[in-house]
Amino acid sequence: MRHVILMLAGLLSLAAWPGDLVAQGRGPGGMSAPTGSLMDSYAERLKLTDEQEASIRVILETQAEKGREMFEAARAQSREAMDEIRPKMAQLQAETSRQIEALLTENQIPEYHKIQAELQERRRSMRRRQPGS
């Protein structure tokens, strides 16, 4: 069960965290944000306009809340329910990425993909270090 929770927490991190936690550099369950502040990383590395940054922040906060709701509902049910939300969480991440990419310029998209690949590798690395996973 612990490995499922850790995996789902990792999936939630794909959708990022609400602004108050991002500002503190923390994510769900007190996890550290993989890049410190994800929004700061996006803003700096993608050279976001103020409008892009505000729109992306709303997307991330909304999607993170959806992910938390799915996770909590499944956790309250059973291990099978936890296993069943994996595809839903992946779908949520894909939706989040599509929404963000729609706001980016052609020049920003390659760097966005690079950031996403780095986050994914960090999550893999964290899972490899978890005992019992």
N, C-alpha and C. Protein backbone atom coordinates (compact mmCIF):
# COMPACT_ATOMS: atom_id res chain seq x y z
N MET A 1 0.83 -1.19 0.00
CA MET A 1 0.00 0.00 0.00
C MET A 1 0.88 1.26 0.00
N ARG A 2 1.97 1.21 0.77
CA ARG A 2 2.85 2.38 0.85
C ARG A 2 3.39 2.75 -0.52
N HIS A 3 3.78 1.75 -1.33
CA HIS A 3 4.33 2.06 -2.64
C HIS A 3 3.28 2.66 -3.55
N VAL A 4 2.03 2.27 -3.40
CA VAL A 4 0.95 2.86 -4.20
C VAL A 4 0.76 4.32 -3.82
N ILE A 5 0.78 4.60 -2.53
CA ILE A 5 0.62 5.97 -2.07
C ILE A 5 1.77 6.83 -2.56
N LEU A 6 2.99 6.31 -2.48
CA LEU A 6 4.15 7.07 -2.96
C LEU A 6 4.05 7.32 -4.45
N MET A 7 3.62 6.32 -5.21
CA MET A 7 3.48 6.48 -6.64
C MET A 7 2.43 7.53 -6.95
N LEU A 8 1.31 7.50 -6.25
CA LEU A 8 0.27 8.48 -6.50
C LEU A 8 0.69 9.88 -6.09
N ALA A 9 1.44 9.97 -5.04
CA ALA A 9 1.97 11.28 -4.64
C ALA A 9 2.89 11.81 -5.73
N GLY A 10 3.65 10.92 -6.32
CA GLY A 10 4.50 11.32 -7.44
C GLY A 10 3.69 11.79 -8.63
N LEU A 11 2.60 11.08 -8.92
CA LEU A 11 1.74 11.51 -10.02
C LEU A 11 1.13 12.87 -9.73
N LEU A 12 0.74 13.08 -8.49
CA LEU A 12 0.19 14.39 -8.13
C LEU A 12 1.22 15.48 -8.37
N SER A 13 2.48 15.16 -8.15
CA SER A 13 3.50 16.19 -8.34
C SER A 13 3.61 16.61 -9.79
N LEU A 14 3.19 15.75 -10.72
CA LEU A 14 3.17 16.12 -12.13
C LEU A 14 2.24 17.30 -12.36
N ALA A 15 1.17 17.30 -11.60
CA ALA A 15 0.21 18.38 -11.75
C ALA A 15 0.60 19.59 -10.91
N ALA A 16 1.66 19.48 -10.19
CA ALA A 16 2.21 20.54 -9.32
C ALA A 16 1.35 20.71 -8.09
N TRP A 17 1.58 21.81 -7.40
CA TRP A 17 0.94 22.02 -6.12
C TRP A 17 0.35 23.41 -6.06
N PRO A 18 -0.58 23.62 -5.13
CA PRO A 18 -1.17 24.94 -5.01
C PRO A 18 -0.13 26.00 -4.66
N GLY A 19 -0.45 27.23 -5.02
CA GLY A 19 0.49 28.32 -4.87
C GLY A 19 1.07 28.47 -3.48
N ASP A 20 0.27 28.28 -2.43
CA ASP A 20 0.81 28.46 -1.08
C ASP A 20 1.85 27.41 -0.76
N LEU A 21 1.68 26.18 -1.25
CA LEU A 21 2.69 25.15 -1.01
C LEU A 21 3.89 25.34 -1.93
N VAL A 22 3.63 25.76 -3.16
CA VAL A 22 4.74 26.02 -4.08
C VAL A 22 5.64 27.10 -3.51
N ALA A 23 5.03 28.13 -2.96
CA ALA A 23 5.82 29.22 -2.39
C ALA A 23 6.71 28.72 -1.26
N GLN A 24 6.25 27.69 -0.56
CA GLN A 24 7.03 27.12 0.54
C GLN A 24 7.97 26.02 0.05
N GLY A 25 7.88 25.66 -1.26
CA GLY A 25 8.71 24.60 -1.79
C GLY A 25 8.28 23.22 -1.31
N ARG A 26 6.98 23.04 -1.01
CA ARG A 26 6.48 21.76 -0.53
C ARG A 26 5.33 21.29 -1.40
N GLY A 27 5.10 19.99 -1.37
CA GLY A 27 4.00 19.41 -2.12
C GLY A 27 3.12 18.59 -1.22
N PRO A 28 2.32 17.68 -1.81
CA PRO A 28 1.41 16.86 -1.02
C PRO A 28 2.13 16.11 0.09
N GLY A 29 1.54 16.07 1.25
CA GLY A 29 2.11 15.31 2.36
C GLY A 29 3.45 15.82 2.83
N GLY A 30 3.75 17.09 2.55
CA GLY A 30 5.02 17.66 2.99
C GLY A 30 6.19 17.31 2.09
N MET A 31 5.93 16.63 0.95
CA MET A 31 7.02 16.30 0.04
C MET A 31 7.64 17.59 -0.50
N SER A 32 8.93 17.59 -0.72
CA SER A 32 9.57 18.75 -1.32
C SER A 32 9.25 18.79 -2.79
N ALA A 33 9.01 19.99 -3.28
CA ALA A 33 8.80 20.15 -4.72
C ALA A 33 10.09 19.77 -5.42
N PRO A 34 10.01 18.99 -6.52
CA PRO A 34 11.21 18.50 -7.18
C PRO A 34 12.17 19.59 -7.62
N THR A 35 11.67 20.76 -7.98
CA THR A 35 12.55 21.83 -8.45
C THR A 35 12.49 23.02 -7.52
N GLY A 36 12.25 22.79 -6.24
CA GLY A 36 12.03 23.92 -5.33
C GLY A 36 10.63 24.42 -5.57
N SER A 37 10.50 25.53 -6.19
CA SER A 37 9.20 26.07 -6.55
C SER A 37 8.97 25.82 -8.03
N LEU A 38 8.03 24.95 -8.35
CA LEU A 38 7.76 24.60 -9.74
C LEU A 38 7.36 25.83 -10.55
N MET A 39 6.51 26.66 -10.00
CA MET A 39 6.10 27.86 -10.74
C MET A 39 7.29 28.79 -10.97
N ASP A 40 8.16 28.94 -9.98
CA ASP A 40 9.34 29.77 -10.17
C ASP A 40 10.22 29.19 -11.27
N SER A 41 10.34 27.87 -11.28
CA SER A 41 11.14 27.22 -12.32
C SER A 41 10.52 27.45 -13.69
N TYR A 42 9.22 27.26 -13.79
CA TYR A 42 8.54 27.53 -15.06
C TYR A 42 8.75 28.98 -15.49
N ALA A 43 8.50 29.90 -14.57
CA ALA A 43 8.59 31.32 -14.91
C ALA A 43 10.00 31.68 -15.39
N GLU A 44 11.00 31.18 -14.68
CA GLU A 44 12.38 31.50 -15.02
C GLU A 44 12.83 30.81 -16.30
N ARG A 45 12.64 29.51 -16.36
CA ARG A 45 13.17 28.76 -17.50
C ARG A 45 12.38 28.96 -18.78
N LEU A 46 11.07 29.19 -18.66
CA LEU A 46 10.25 29.38 -19.85
C LEU A 46 10.12 30.86 -20.21
N LYS A 47 10.61 31.72 -19.32
CA LYS A 47 10.50 33.17 -19.51
C LYS A 47 9.04 33.55 -19.77
N LEU A 48 8.19 33.14 -18.82
CA LEU A 48 6.76 33.36 -18.95
C LEU A 48 6.41 34.84 -18.83
N THR A 49 5.39 35.23 -19.57
CA THR A 49 4.83 36.56 -19.38
C THR A 49 4.00 36.51 -18.10
N ASP A 50 3.65 37.66 -17.56
CA ASP A 50 2.81 37.70 -16.37
C ASP A 50 1.48 37.00 -16.62
N GLU A 51 0.93 37.19 -17.81
CA GLU A 51 -0.35 36.56 -18.16
C GLU A 51 -0.21 35.03 -18.22
N GLN A 52 0.85 34.55 -18.85
CA GLN A 52 1.09 33.10 -18.91
C GLN A 52 1.25 32.53 -17.51
N GLU A 53 2.03 33.22 -16.68
CA GLU A 53 2.28 32.72 -15.33
C GLU A 53 0.98 32.63 -14.53
N ALA A 54 0.14 33.65 -14.61
CA ALA A 54 -1.14 33.63 -13.89
C ALA A 54 -2.03 32.50 -14.38
N SER A 55 -2.09 32.31 -15.70
CA SER A 55 -2.94 31.26 -16.26
C SER A 55 -2.44 29.88 -15.89
N ILE A 56 -1.13 29.67 -15.94
CA ILE A 56 -0.55 28.37 -15.60
C ILE A 56 -0.75 28.07 -14.12
N ARG A 57 -0.60 29.08 -13.28
CA ARG A 57 -0.82 28.88 -11.85
C ARG A 57 -2.24 28.39 -11.59
N VAL A 58 -3.22 28.97 -12.26
CA VAL A 58 -4.62 28.54 -12.09
C VAL A 58 -4.79 27.10 -12.56
N ILE A 59 -4.20 26.76 -13.70
CA ILE A 59 -4.29 25.38 -14.21
C ILE A 59 -3.69 24.41 -13.20
N LEU A 60 -2.50 24.71 -12.71
CA LEU A 60 -1.83 23.81 -11.78
C LEU A 60 -2.61 23.65 -10.48
N GLU A 61 -3.13 24.72 -9.96
CA GLU A 61 -3.90 24.65 -8.72
C GLU A 61 -5.18 23.84 -8.92
N THR A 62 -5.87 24.08 -10.03
CA THR A 62 -7.11 23.36 -10.32
C THR A 62 -6.84 21.87 -10.49
N GLN A 63 -5.82 21.53 -11.27
CA GLN A 63 -5.51 20.13 -11.53
C GLN A 63 -5.00 19.43 -10.28
N ALA A 64 -4.23 20.13 -9.47
CA ALA A 64 -3.75 19.53 -8.22
C ALA A 64 -4.92 19.21 -7.30
N GLU A 65 -5.89 20.09 -7.25
CA GLU A 65 -7.07 19.84 -6.42
C GLU A 65 -7.85 18.63 -6.94
N LYS A 66 -8.01 18.52 -8.24
CA LYS A 66 -8.68 17.35 -8.82
C LYS A 66 -7.93 16.07 -8.44
N GLY A 67 -6.61 16.11 -8.53
CA GLY A 67 -5.80 14.95 -8.19
C GLY A 67 -5.94 14.57 -6.72
N ARG A 68 -5.91 15.57 -5.86
CA ARG A 68 -6.08 15.30 -4.42
C ARG A 68 -7.44 14.68 -4.15
N GLU A 69 -8.48 15.19 -4.80
CA GLU A 69 -9.82 14.65 -4.59
C GLU A 69 -9.90 13.19 -5.04
N MET A 70 -9.32 12.88 -6.20
CA MET A 70 -9.30 11.49 -6.68
C MET A 70 -8.55 10.60 -5.70
N PHE A 71 -7.40 11.07 -5.26
CA PHE A 71 -6.56 10.30 -4.35
C PHE A 71 -7.28 10.04 -3.04
N GLU A 72 -7.87 11.06 -2.46
CA GLU A 72 -8.57 10.91 -1.18
C GLU A 72 -9.77 9.98 -1.31
N ALA A 73 -10.51 10.10 -2.39
CA ALA A 73 -11.68 9.22 -2.59
C ALA A 73 -11.24 7.77 -2.71
N ALA A 74 -10.17 7.51 -3.45
CA ALA A 74 -9.68 6.14 -3.62
C ALA A 74 -9.10 5.62 -2.32
N ARG A 75 -8.36 6.46 -1.61
CA ARG A 75 -7.74 6.03 -0.36
C ARG A 75 -8.79 5.63 0.66
N ALA A 76 -9.92 6.29 0.63
CA ALA A 76 -10.99 5.98 1.58
C ALA A 76 -11.69 4.66 1.24
N GLN A 77 -11.47 4.14 0.03
CA GLN A 77 -12.15 2.91 -0.38
C GLN A 77 -11.30 1.67 -0.13
N SER A 78 -10.38 1.39 -1.03
CA SER A 78 -9.63 0.13 -0.93
C SER A 78 -8.33 0.23 -1.72
N ARG A 79 -7.49 -0.79 -1.54
CA ARG A 79 -6.26 -0.85 -2.32
C ARG A 79 -6.57 -0.95 -3.82
N GLU A 80 -7.60 -1.70 -4.17
CA GLU A 80 -7.97 -1.83 -5.58
C GLU A 80 -8.34 -0.47 -6.15
N ALA A 81 -9.05 0.32 -5.37
CA ALA A 81 -9.43 1.67 -5.82
C ALA A 81 -8.19 2.52 -6.04
N MET A 82 -7.20 2.35 -5.16
CA MET A 82 -5.94 3.09 -5.32
C MET A 82 -5.26 2.68 -6.62
N ASP A 83 -5.22 1.39 -6.89
CA ASP A 83 -4.61 0.91 -8.13
C ASP A 83 -5.36 1.41 -9.36
N GLU A 84 -6.68 1.51 -9.25
CA GLU A 84 -7.50 1.91 -10.38
C GLU A 84 -7.38 3.38 -10.74
N ILE A 85 -6.91 4.21 -9.82
CA ILE A 85 -6.82 5.63 -10.18
C ILE A 85 -5.54 5.98 -10.93
N ARG A 86 -4.60 5.06 -11.02
CA ARG A 86 -3.37 5.36 -11.78
C ARG A 86 -3.66 5.91 -13.17
N PRO A 87 -4.47 5.21 -13.97
CA PRO A 87 -4.73 5.75 -15.31
C PRO A 87 -5.44 7.11 -15.27
N LYS A 88 -6.29 7.30 -14.27
CA LYS A 88 -6.98 8.59 -14.15
C LYS A 88 -5.99 9.70 -13.82
N MET A 89 -5.02 9.39 -12.97
CA MET A 89 -4.02 10.38 -12.62
C MET A 89 -3.13 10.69 -13.83
N ALA A 90 -2.79 9.67 -14.60
CA ALA A 90 -2.00 9.89 -15.81
C ALA A 90 -2.78 10.73 -16.81
N GLN A 91 -4.08 10.47 -16.91
CA GLN A 91 -4.93 11.25 -17.80
C GLN A 91 -5.00 12.71 -17.33
N LEU A 92 -5.09 12.91 -16.03
CA LEU A 92 -5.10 14.26 -15.47
C LEU A 92 -3.80 14.99 -15.81
N GLN A 93 -2.68 14.29 -15.70
CA GLN A 93 -1.40 14.91 -16.05
C GLN A 93 -1.34 15.27 -17.52
N ALA A 94 -1.81 14.38 -18.37
CA ALA A 94 -1.81 14.67 -19.81
C ALA A 94 -2.68 15.90 -20.11
N GLU A 95 -3.82 15.98 -19.45
CA GLU A 95 -4.71 17.13 -19.61
C GLU A 95 -4.02 18.41 -19.14
N THR A 96 -3.34 18.34 -18.02
CA THR A 96 -2.62 19.50 -17.49
C THR A 96 -1.56 19.95 -18.49
N SER A 97 -0.80 19.02 -19.01
CA SER A 97 0.25 19.37 -19.97
C SER A 97 -0.34 20.00 -21.23
N ARG A 98 -1.44 19.46 -21.74
CA ARG A 98 -2.08 20.04 -22.93
C ARG A 98 -2.53 21.47 -22.66
N GLN A 99 -3.11 21.69 -21.48
CA GLN A 99 -3.57 23.04 -21.15
C GLN A 99 -2.40 24.02 -21.05
N ILE A 100 -1.31 23.58 -20.43
CA ILE A 100 -0.14 24.45 -20.30
C ILE A 100 0.48 24.71 -21.66
N GLU A 101 0.65 23.66 -22.45
CA GLU A 101 1.26 23.83 -23.77
C GLU A 101 0.46 24.78 -24.65
N ALA A 102 -0.85 24.80 -24.49
CA ALA A 102 -1.70 25.70 -25.28
C ALA A 102 -1.39 27.17 -24.98
N LEU A 103 -0.82 27.43 -23.81
CA LEU A 103 -0.48 28.81 -23.42
C LEU A 103 0.93 29.22 -23.82
N LEU A 104 1.75 28.23 -24.19
CA LEU A 104 3.16 28.50 -24.46
C LEU A 104 3.39 28.81 -25.94
N THR A 105 4.49 29.52 -26.19
CA THR A 105 4.89 29.78 -27.57
C THR A 105 5.65 28.56 -28.10
N GLU A 106 5.85 28.53 -29.40
CA GLU A 106 6.61 27.43 -30.00
C GLU A 106 8.02 27.35 -29.41
N ASN A 107 8.60 28.47 -29.05
CA ASN A 107 9.95 28.50 -28.49
C ASN A 107 9.98 28.00 -27.05
N GLN A 108 8.89 28.10 -26.31
CA GLN A 108 8.84 27.68 -24.91
C GLN A 108 8.57 26.18 -24.76
N ILE A 109 7.89 25.58 -25.70
CA ILE A 109 7.46 24.18 -25.57
C ILE A 109 8.63 23.21 -25.40
N PRO A 110 9.73 23.31 -26.18
CA PRO A 110 10.84 22.36 -25.95
C PRO A 110 11.41 22.42 -24.52
N GLU A 111 11.53 23.62 -23.95
CA GLU A 111 12.03 23.75 -22.59
C GLU A 111 11.03 23.18 -21.60
N TYR A 112 9.74 23.37 -21.86
CA TYR A 112 8.69 22.78 -21.00
C TYR A 112 8.82 21.26 -21.00
N HIS A 113 9.01 20.67 -22.17
CA HIS A 113 9.19 19.21 -22.26
C HIS A 113 10.44 18.77 -21.49
N LYS A 114 11.49 19.57 -21.55
CA LYS A 114 12.71 19.25 -20.82
C LYS A 114 12.45 19.26 -19.31
N ILE A 115 11.73 20.26 -18.83
CA ILE A 115 11.38 20.33 -17.40
C ILE A 115 10.57 19.11 -17.00
N GLN A 116 9.59 18.73 -17.81
CA GLN A 116 8.76 17.57 -17.50
C GLN A 116 9.59 16.30 -17.45
N ALA A 117 10.53 16.15 -18.37
CA ALA A 117 11.40 14.96 -18.37
C ALA A 117 12.27 14.92 -17.11
N GLU A 118 12.77 16.08 -16.68
CA GLU A 118 13.57 16.15 -15.46
C GLU A 118 12.74 15.76 -14.24
N LEU A 119 11.52 16.26 -14.17
CA LEU A 119 10.63 15.91 -13.04
C LEU A 119 10.34 14.41 -13.03
N GLN A 120 10.09 13.86 -14.20
CA GLN A 120 9.80 12.43 -14.29
C GLN A 120 10.99 11.61 -13.83
N GLU A 121 12.19 12.01 -14.21
CA GLU A 121 13.39 11.28 -13.80
C GLU A 121 13.60 11.39 -12.29
N ARG A 122 13.34 12.54 -11.72
CA ARG A 122 13.46 12.68 -10.27
C ARG A 122 12.48 11.78 -9.54
N ARG A 123 11.26 11.69 -10.05
CA ARG A 123 10.27 10.80 -9.42
C ARG A 123 10.72 9.35 -9.52
N ARG A 124 11.23 8.96 -10.67
CA ARG A 124 11.75 7.58 -10.82
C ARG A 124 12.86 7.32 -9.83
N SER A 125 13.75 8.27 -9.70
CA SER A 125 14.87 8.13 -8.78
C SER A 125 14.39 8.00 -7.34
N MET A 126 13.39 8.79 -6.96
CA MET A 126 12.83 8.71 -5.61
C MET A 126 12.19 7.35 -5.37
N ARG A 127 11.47 6.83 -6.37
CA ARG A 127 10.82 5.51 -6.22
C ARG A 127 11.86 4.41 -6.07
N ARG A 128 12.97 4.52 -6.79
CA ARG A 128 14.02 3.49 -6.68
C ARG A 128 14.64 3.47 -5.29
N ARG A 129 14.65 4.61 -4.62
CA ARG A 129 15.25 4.71 -3.29
C ARG A 129 14.28 4.33 -2.18
N GLN A 130 12.98 4.19 -2.49
CA GLN A 130 11.98 3.88 -1.45
C GLN A 130 12.06 2.40 -1.07
N PRO A 131 12.17 2.09 0.20
CA PRO A 131 12.17 0.67 0.61
C PRO A 131 10.80 0.06 0.38
N GLY A 132 10.80 -1.16 -0.08
CA GLY A 132 9.54 -1.89 -0.28
C GLY A 132 8.78 -1.51 -1.51
N SER A 133 9.39 -0.71 -2.41
CA SER A 133 8.68 -0.35 -3.64
C SER A 133 9.12 -1.16 -4.81
